[in-house]
Amino acid sequence: MENKNNVELRDKIRLGLSIAFKKLVAYKAKNDGVLVFSNQGKIVKVKAKDIKL
């Protein structure tokens, strides 16, 4: 029972993070923004318009 609740909570959190990221990318793309990521310890800047969701 508790494991089922954990799975449901984890799925809800992942869905929320996905929605938040899509909103962030859309907002940044609208305002010609740049997103900054880390790729194997190196800083990578990506234009939001270049991100395909």
Protein backbone atom coordinates (compact mmCIF):
# COMPACT_ATOMS: atom_id res chain seq x y z
CA MET A 1 0.00 0.00 0.00
CA GLU A 2 2.71 2.47 0.96
CA ASN A 3 4.73 1.55 -2.15
CA LYS A 4 1.72 2.35 -4.34
CA ASN A 5 1.41 5.77 -2.69
CA ASN A 6 5.10 6.43 -3.27
CA VAL A 7 4.78 5.54 -6.96
CA GLU A 8 1.75 7.80 -7.37
CA LEU A 9 3.51 10.68 -5.61
CA ARG A 10 6.64 10.21 -7.71
CA ASP A 11 4.56 10.23 -10.91
CA LYS A 12 2.79 13.43 -9.84
CA ILE A 13 6.10 15.12 -9.03
CA ARG A 14 7.57 14.11 -12.41
CA LEU A 15 4.50 15.41 -14.22
CA GLY A 16 4.71 18.70 -12.33
CA LEU A 17 8.41 19.09 -13.15
CA SER A 18 7.74 18.36 -16.80
CA ILE A 19 4.98 20.96 -16.98
CA ALA A 20 7.13 23.55 -15.18
CA PHE A 21 10.05 22.95 -17.56
CA LYS A 22 7.80 23.32 -20.62
CA LYS A 23 6.44 26.59 -19.25
CA LEU A 24 9.96 27.84 -18.53
CA VAL A 25 11.15 27.03 -22.06
CA ALA A 26 8.08 28.67 -23.60
CA TYR A 27 8.59 31.82 -21.52
CA LYS A 28 12.30 32.03 -22.31
CA ALA A 29 11.68 31.40 -26.03
CA LYS A 30 9.10 34.20 -26.09
CA ASN A 31 11.64 36.61 -24.55
CA ASP A 32 14.71 35.41 -26.53
CA GLY A 33 16.15 33.87 -23.38
CA VAL A 34 18.96 31.43 -22.78
CA LEU A 35 18.93 28.38 -20.54
CA VAL A 36 22.09 27.19 -18.81
CA PHE A 37 22.77 23.49 -18.25
CA SER A 38 25.66 21.41 -16.99
CA ASN A 39 26.93 18.62 -19.24
CA GLN A 40 29.54 16.42 -17.57
CA GLY A 41 30.75 19.34 -15.47
CA LYS A 42 30.89 21.83 -18.36
CA ILE A 43 28.53 24.79 -18.54
CA VAL A 44 26.42 24.80 -21.69
CA LYS A 45 24.23 27.72 -22.77
CA VAL A 46 21.30 26.92 -25.07
CA LYS A 47 18.88 29.35 -26.67
CA ALA A 48 15.34 28.46 -25.61
CA LYS A 49 14.19 28.65 -29.24
CA ASP A 50 16.57 25.78 -30.08
CA ILE A 51 15.03 23.39 -27.54
CA LYS A 52 12.58 20.90 -29.05
CA LEU A 53 10.01 19.56 -26.61
